[in-house]
Amino acid sequence: MTSDSSSAEQRRLQMADIARLAGVSTSTVSRALSGSSLVNDETRKRIEELARSLNYTINIGAQNLRLKQNRTVAVVVPYDSATRQHLSDPFFLSMLGSLADALTDRGFDMLLSRVDAERLDSAAQIYDTGRVLGVILIGQWRHHDQLNQLAARRVPIVVWGAQLPQQLYVTVGSDNVMGGLLATEHLIQSGRKHLAFFGDTQLPEVAHRYEGYCKALSQHGITLDERLVVPASFIEEGGRLAVEELCQRGIAFDGLFACSDLLAMTAINTLREKGFQTPDDVAVVGYDDIELARYFHPPLTTVRQPIALAGQALVDALLVLADQRNATPQLLSTELIPRSSSRSG
């Protein structure tokens, strides 16, 4: 097939993707993009926006560059422009280390990049240049729709995150519902009855941990008290702000499930400043099992995510996609690691 015919075929396939996302026929897409008056303004604008988001104009040079045995994978870590969560976050560092090891073992290089969490679709730009054979994205954030559009464009992308309804892209993630259930059940079995929850439930993974928290409460006959649920960002001061908010609400609590170890640690420090002792007054469970968790005072009970396995699974799934084969989402098991921060009695 010649370069011109290959380009035409690729454009035809993309036009079909646009038509499917817009809910119209390919002939309507063709007319809209050619400026035909037969398409109404609202439909044309919707089609044009989809075409822009799907990068409809193919960069043939980039395609050819990728065919030359590209051995580089982009690892993209989104950032929230409001909170500016740092790459120095221990979870990010652990994940990046796992990915670097997995890529090195398979003979690939890693190119690290950051994108605004509100524009996850911009993660494809580095792929479009031809510099990398695919993208591993750490986190879905709030834009499931943008990731679906990348999948419709056939950008080889694998996302560390939760499995969601009507998902077109491939995810690798841990069982967050089970993780939330394990953490909450452990606190209940430790004799705690008034359990606070810290996390941003607008994020898919945290929403699943919250689902597990609610399920455990229900299974043990404990009524959910929304006053104990506090939004908290994955930033250094997130735990402090959440503890201050919880204390201002004036609601009694004797247990805390924080959706990251960093949240849990900063929460424990803030509780100590306010006269609460952990675990005597408030038992605490975190999430991730970062390296520092076992050395913290008191050593932190947490839900372990299999980070080493995650790196291998993410890389393997991406290489399958880059080979133009189908990859399936994977759900990795989680495990409760009990330590002193939640001991009973």
Protein backbone atom coordinates (compact mmCIF):
# COMPACT_ATOMS: atom_id res chain seq x y z
CA MET A 1 0.00 0.00 0.00
CA THR A 2 1.37 3.44 -0.91
CA SER A 3 1.77 6.26 1.58
CA ASP A 4 -1.14 8.15 -0.01
CA SER A 5 -3.50 5.15 0.11
CA SER A 6 -2.45 4.40 3.70
CA SER A 7 -3.23 8.00 4.66
CA ALA A 8 -6.62 7.81 2.98
CA GLU A 9 -7.48 4.59 4.78
CA GLN A 10 -6.45 6.06 8.14
CA ARG A 11 -8.58 9.15 7.52
CA ARG A 12 -11.55 6.95 6.59
CA LEU A 13 -11.21 5.00 9.84
CA GLN A 14 -10.98 8.20 11.88
CA MET A 15 -14.05 9.60 10.13
CA ALA A 16 -15.95 6.46 11.22
CA ASP A 17 -14.78 7.05 14.81
CA ILE A 18 -16.03 10.64 14.71
CA ALA A 19 -19.36 9.50 13.30
CA ARG A 20 -19.80 6.92 16.06
CA LEU A 21 -18.99 9.40 18.84
CA ALA A 22 -21.24 12.06 17.31
CA GLY A 23 -24.10 9.65 16.63
CA VAL A 24 -24.30 10.48 12.92
CA SER A 25 -23.37 8.84 9.62
CA THR A 26 -19.91 9.07 8.06
CA SER A 27 -21.43 10.98 5.13
CA THR A 28 -22.71 13.61 7.60
CA VAL A 29 -19.22 13.87 9.08
CA SER A 30 -17.76 14.31 5.61
CA ARG A 31 -20.25 17.03 4.74
CA ALA A 32 -19.76 18.82 8.06
CA LEU A 33 -15.96 18.89 7.74
CA SER A 34 -16.21 20.16 4.17
CA GLY A 35 -18.47 23.03 5.29
CA SER A 36 -21.64 21.83 3.58
CA SER A 37 -24.80 23.84 4.30
CA LEU A 38 -26.74 20.57 4.46
CA VAL A 39 -25.54 20.06 8.05
CA ASN A 40 -27.07 22.25 10.76
CA ASP A 41 -24.79 24.49 12.85
CA GLU A 42 -25.16 22.52 16.09
CA THR A 43 -24.23 19.21 14.49
CA ARG A 44 -21.37 20.75 12.53
CA LYS A 45 -19.89 22.34 15.67
CA ARG A 46 -20.12 19.04 17.56
CA ILE A 47 -18.40 17.19 14.72
CA GLU A 48 -15.69 19.83 14.40
CA GLU A 49 -14.97 19.67 18.14
CA LEU A 50 -14.68 15.89 17.99
CA ALA A 51 -12.41 16.11 14.95
CA ARG A 52 -10.13 18.52 16.80
CA SER A 53 -10.07 16.32 19.93
CA LEU A 54 -9.24 13.27 17.80
CA ASN A 55 -6.46 15.12 15.96
CA TYR A 56 -8.12 14.31 12.65
CA THR A 57 -5.24 15.50 10.49
CA ILE A 58 -2.82 12.60 10.41
CA ASN A 59 0.91 13.24 10.76
CA ILE A 60 2.28 10.73 8.24
CA GLY A 61 5.87 11.56 9.17
CA ALA A 62 5.15 10.62 12.77
CA GLN A 63 3.56 7.35 11.66
CA ASN A 64 6.60 6.45 9.60
CA LEU A 65 8.93 7.33 12.48
CA ARG A 66 7.07 4.93 14.77
CA LEU A 67 7.61 2.09 12.31
CA LYS A 68 11.40 2.31 12.82
CA GLN A 69 11.54 0.05 15.87
CA ASN A 70 10.73 2.74 18.41
CA ARG A 71 11.93 1.60 21.86
CA THR A 72 10.56 4.44 24.01
CA VAL A 73 7.37 4.56 26.08
CA ALA A 74 5.87 7.76 27.47
CA VAL A 75 4.84 7.66 31.13
CA VAL A 76 2.49 10.57 31.80
CA VAL A 77 1.59 11.78 35.30
CA PRO A 78 -1.30 14.28 35.29
CA TYR A 79 -1.31 17.21 37.69
CA ASP A 80 -4.25 19.09 39.16
CA SER A 81 -3.69 22.79 38.43
CA ALA A 82 -5.49 23.68 41.68
CA THR A 83 -3.64 21.39 44.10
CA ARG A 84 -0.38 20.86 42.16
CA GLN A 85 0.25 17.39 43.55
CA HIS A 86 4.01 16.90 43.25
CA LEU A 87 5.92 14.15 41.50
CA SER A 88 7.69 13.70 44.83
CA ASP A 89 4.48 12.13 46.17
CA PRO A 90 5.67 8.73 47.48
CA PHE A 91 3.04 6.81 45.51
CA PHE A 92 4.11 8.40 42.23
CA LEU A 93 7.77 7.64 42.98
CA SER A 94 6.96 4.00 43.73
CA MET A 95 4.95 3.63 40.54
CA LEU A 96 7.60 5.34 38.40
CA GLY A 97 10.26 3.05 39.84
CA SER A 98 8.16 -0.02 39.09
CA LEU A 99 7.52 1.14 35.51
CA ALA A 100 11.20 1.97 34.94
CA ASP A 101 12.20 -1.52 36.09
CA ALA A 102 9.55 -3.21 33.93
CA LEU A 103 10.53 -1.21 30.83
CA THR A 104 14.25 -1.81 31.36
CA ASP A 105 13.66 -5.55 31.74
CA ARG A 106 11.92 -5.52 28.35
CA GLY A 107 14.54 -3.37 26.62
CA PHE A 108 12.60 -0.10 26.47
CA ASP A 109 13.34 3.47 27.55
CA MET A 110 10.98 5.67 29.56
CA LEU A 111 10.09 9.26 28.69
CA LEU A 112 8.45 11.03 31.65
CA SER A 113 5.93 13.81 31.03
CA ARG A 114 3.18 15.73 32.84
CA VAL A 115 -0.17 17.00 31.57
CA ASP A 116 -2.97 19.06 33.09
CA ALA A 117 -5.53 16.69 34.64
CA GLU A 118 -8.26 18.71 32.92
CA ARG A 119 -6.75 17.92 29.51
CA LEU A 120 -5.90 14.25 29.64
CA ASP A 121 -6.33 14.08 25.86
CA SER A 122 -3.14 16.14 25.52
CA ALA A 123 -1.25 13.02 26.66
CA ALA A 124 -1.54 11.85 23.03
CA GLN A 125 0.49 14.75 21.67
CA ILE A 126 3.81 13.08 22.42
CA TYR A 127 2.57 9.94 20.62
CA ASP A 128 1.50 12.02 17.61
CA THR A 129 5.06 13.33 17.23
CA GLY A 130 6.29 9.77 16.69
CA ARG A 131 8.75 9.93 19.61
CA VAL A 132 7.10 7.07 21.53
CA LEU A 133 5.30 3.85 20.67
CA GLY A 134 2.60 4.40 23.27
CA VAL A 135 1.52 6.06 26.52
CA ILE A 136 1.08 4.85 30.09
CA LEU A 137 -1.07 7.29 32.04
CA ILE A 138 -1.00 7.28 35.84
CA GLY A 139 -4.59 8.02 36.88
CA GLN A 140 -7.92 8.75 35.22
CA TRP A 141 -8.76 11.82 37.25
CA ARG A 142 -12.18 13.12 36.19
CA HIS A 143 -12.07 12.78 32.39
CA HIS A 144 -13.19 9.30 31.45
CA ASP A 145 -14.67 10.84 28.26
CA GLN A 146 -11.33 12.17 27.04
CA LEU A 147 -9.69 8.79 27.54
CA ASN A 148 -12.48 7.11 25.56
CA GLN A 149 -11.79 9.53 22.71
CA LEU A 150 -8.10 8.60 22.72
CA ALA A 151 -9.05 4.94 22.53
CA ALA A 152 -11.38 5.69 19.63
CA ARG A 153 -8.43 7.33 17.89
CA ARG A 154 -6.51 4.07 18.40
CA VAL A 155 -3.79 5.77 20.41
CA PRO A 156 -1.94 2.96 22.26
CA ILE A 157 -2.66 4.06 25.83
CA VAL A 158 -2.97 2.12 29.08
CA VAL A 159 -4.28 3.83 32.22
CA TRP A 160 -3.57 3.04 35.86
CA GLY A 161 -7.06 3.38 37.27
CA ALA A 162 -10.49 1.96 37.92
CA GLN A 163 -12.68 0.00 35.50
CA LEU A 164 -15.71 2.12 34.60
CA PRO A 165 -18.93 1.51 32.65
CA GLN A 166 -18.74 2.03 28.85
CA GLN A 167 -14.95 2.10 28.95
CA LEU A 168 -13.16 1.93 25.58
CA TYR A 169 -9.59 2.30 26.86
CA VAL A 170 -7.53 -0.30 28.73
CA THR A 171 -6.97 0.00 32.47
CA VAL A 172 -4.77 -1.78 34.96
CA GLY A 173 -5.69 -1.14 38.57
CA SER A 174 -6.07 -2.61 42.01
CA ASP A 175 -9.36 -3.80 43.49
CA ASN A 176 -10.26 -0.53 45.19
CA VAL A 177 -13.72 -1.68 46.31
CA MET A 178 -12.16 -4.63 48.13
CA GLY A 179 -9.41 -2.38 49.47
CA GLY A 180 -11.94 0.01 50.98
CA LEU A 181 -13.91 -2.89 52.43
CA LEU A 182 -10.78 -4.47 53.98
CA ALA A 183 -9.72 -1.18 55.59
CA THR A 184 -13.15 -0.45 57.03
CA GLU A 185 -13.79 -4.01 58.25
CA HIS A 186 -10.44 -3.98 60.03
CA LEU A 187 -11.37 -0.81 61.91
CA ILE A 188 -14.76 -2.27 62.87
CA GLN A 189 -13.18 -5.50 64.05
CA SER A 190 -10.79 -3.40 66.14
CA GLY A 191 -13.80 -2.16 68.07
CA ARG A 192 -14.28 1.19 66.30
CA LYS A 193 -17.81 2.33 65.50
CA HIS A 194 -17.56 5.96 64.34
CA LEU A 195 -15.39 5.77 61.24
CA ALA A 196 -14.28 8.83 59.28
CA PHE A 197 -13.42 8.67 55.58
CA PHE A 198 -10.88 11.03 53.94
CA GLY A 199 -10.67 11.22 50.12
CA ASP A 200 -11.84 12.91 46.93
CA THR A 201 -14.74 10.75 45.75
CA GLN A 202 -14.82 12.64 42.43
CA LEU A 203 -11.81 10.50 41.46
CA PRO A 204 -12.83 7.04 40.18
CA GLU A 205 -10.38 5.04 42.32
CA VAL A 206 -11.35 6.90 45.49
CA ALA A 207 -15.04 6.50 44.63
CA HIS A 208 -14.49 2.73 44.57
CA ARG A 209 -12.70 2.84 47.96
CA TYR A 210 -15.66 4.79 49.31
CA GLU A 211 -17.98 2.12 47.90
CA GLY A 212 -16.05 -0.50 49.87
CA TYR A 213 -16.24 1.68 53.01
CA CYS A 214 -20.04 1.96 52.65
CA LYS A 215 -20.38 -1.76 51.96
CA ALA A 216 -18.46 -2.69 55.12
CA LEU A 217 -20.56 -0.33 57.25
CA SER A 218 -23.74 -1.83 55.83
CA GLN A 219 -22.59 -5.41 56.37
CA HIS A 220 -21.95 -4.65 60.04
CA GLY A 221 -25.20 -2.77 60.58
CA ILE A 222 -23.57 0.64 61.01
CA THR A 223 -25.51 3.59 59.60
CA LEU A 224 -23.52 5.81 57.24
CA ASP A 225 -23.04 9.30 58.73
CA GLU A 226 -22.21 11.76 55.95
CA ARG A 227 -20.70 14.13 58.52
CA LEU A 228 -17.81 11.67 58.88
CA VAL A 229 -17.03 11.80 55.13
CA VAL A 230 -14.53 14.58 54.40
CA PRO A 231 -13.23 15.54 50.92
CA ALA A 232 -9.42 15.45 50.92
CA SER A 233 -6.87 15.96 48.13
CA PHE A 234 -3.74 13.86 47.68
CA ILE A 235 -1.41 16.66 48.73
CA GLU A 236 0.89 17.11 51.71
CA GLU A 237 -1.53 19.26 53.71
CA GLY A 238 -4.60 17.22 52.68
CA GLY A 239 -4.71 15.24 55.92
CA ARG A 240 -4.28 18.32 58.08
CA LEU A 241 -7.09 20.19 56.33
CA ALA A 242 -9.39 17.17 56.56
CA VAL A 243 -8.78 16.72 60.31
CA GLU A 244 -9.46 20.41 60.91
CA GLU A 245 -12.70 20.16 58.91
CA LEU A 246 -13.79 17.04 60.81
CA CYS A 247 -13.08 18.65 64.18
CA GLN A 248 -15.04 21.76 63.19
CA ARG A 249 -18.06 19.57 62.45
CA GLY A 250 -18.11 18.50 66.10
CA ILE A 251 -18.84 14.85 65.38
CA ALA A 252 -17.33 12.07 67.51
CA PHE A 253 -14.99 9.64 65.70
CA ASP A 254 -12.75 6.81 66.87
CA GLY A 255 -11.52 5.44 63.53
CA LEU A 256 -10.23 6.87 60.26
CA PHE A 257 -9.82 5.39 56.79
CA ALA A 258 -7.64 7.71 54.71
CA CYS A 259 -7.40 7.01 50.96
CA SER A 260 -3.62 7.34 50.82
CA ASP A 261 -0.76 6.78 53.23
CA LEU A 262 0.30 10.41 52.90
CA LEU A 263 -3.21 11.52 53.92
CA ALA A 264 -3.12 9.11 56.85
CA MET A 265 0.30 10.26 58.07
CA THR A 266 -0.47 13.97 57.95
CA ALA A 267 -3.81 13.25 59.62
CA ILE A 268 -2.09 11.39 62.49
CA ASN A 269 0.34 14.26 63.00
CA THR A 270 -2.52 16.78 63.08
CA LEU A 271 -4.58 14.61 65.44
CA ARG A 272 -1.55 14.45 67.79
CA GLU A 273 -1.31 18.25 67.76
CA LYS A 274 -4.99 18.39 68.75
CA GLY A 275 -4.53 16.00 71.68
CA PHE A 276 -5.69 12.75 70.02
CA GLN A 277 -3.45 9.70 70.31
CA THR A 278 -3.22 7.03 67.63
CA PRO A 279 -4.43 4.33 68.03
CA ASP A 280 -5.74 4.84 71.59
CA ASP A 281 -8.19 7.62 70.66
CA VAL A 282 -8.37 7.20 66.87
CA ALA A 283 -7.33 4.08 64.95
CA VAL A 284 -6.05 4.92 61.45
CA VAL A 285 -5.73 2.93 58.21
CA GLY A 286 -4.07 4.32 55.07
CA TYR A 287 -3.84 3.12 51.49
CA ASP A 288 -0.92 2.16 49.18
CA ASP A 289 1.69 0.76 51.62
CA ILE A 290 4.45 3.13 50.56
CA GLU A 291 7.93 2.34 51.91
CA LEU A 292 7.69 4.97 54.67
CA ALA A 293 4.51 3.41 56.13
CA ARG A 294 6.38 0.76 58.11
CA TYR A 295 8.81 3.32 59.57
CA PHE A 296 6.22 5.93 60.56
CA HIS A 297 5.31 6.47 64.23
CA PRO A 298 3.19 4.61 64.92
CA PRO A 299 3.81 2.17 62.05
CA LEU A 300 0.88 2.59 59.67
CA THR A 301 -1.78 -0.01 59.00
CA THR A 302 -2.56 0.24 55.29
CA VAL A 303 -3.98 -1.43 52.21
CA ARG A 304 -1.18 -2.62 49.95
CA GLN A 305 -1.41 -2.07 46.21
CA PRO A 306 0.83 -4.48 44.23
CA ILE A 307 3.01 -1.77 42.70
CA ALA A 308 5.71 -4.10 41.31
CA LEU A 309 3.07 -6.21 39.54
CA ALA A 310 1.33 -3.03 38.39
CA GLY A 311 4.38 -1.81 36.50
CA GLN A 312 4.78 -5.13 34.71
CA ALA A 313 1.07 -5.35 33.85
CA LEU A 314 0.91 -1.78 32.53
CA VAL A 315 3.94 -2.27 30.28
CA ASP A 316 2.78 -5.66 28.99
CA ALA A 317 -0.68 -4.30 28.16
CA LEU A 318 0.81 -1.34 26.31
CA LEU A 319 3.10 -3.55 24.22
CA VAL A 320 0.08 -5.65 23.21
CA LEU A 321 -1.74 -2.49 22.07
CA ALA A 322 1.33 -1.17 20.26
CA ASP A 323 1.40 -4.45 18.35
CA GLN A 324 -2.16 -3.63 17.20
CA ARG A 325 -3.67 -6.45 19.24
CA ASN A 326 -6.48 -6.25 21.79
CA ALA A 327 -5.62 -5.93 25.47
CA THR A 328 -8.08 -6.48 28.31
CA PRO A 329 -8.41 -4.50 31.56
CA GLN A 330 -6.79 -6.08 34.61
CA LEU A 331 -7.82 -5.92 38.26
CA LEU A 332 -5.02 -6.66 40.74
CA SER A 333 -5.66 -7.86 44.29
CA THR A 334 -5.26 -5.67 47.38
CA GLU A 335 -4.09 -6.77 50.83
CA LEU A 336 -4.51 -5.33 54.32
CA ILE A 337 -1.19 -4.83 56.15
CA PRO A 338 -1.96 -4.46 59.88
CA ARG A 339 0.43 -2.40 61.99
CA SER A 340 0.35 -0.39 65.22
CA SER A 341 -1.75 2.58 64.03
CA SER A 342 -4.93 0.52 64.33
CA ARG A 343 -4.26 -2.01 67.06
CA SER A 344 -7.20 -2.71 69.36
CA GLY A 345 -7.32 -2.25 73.10
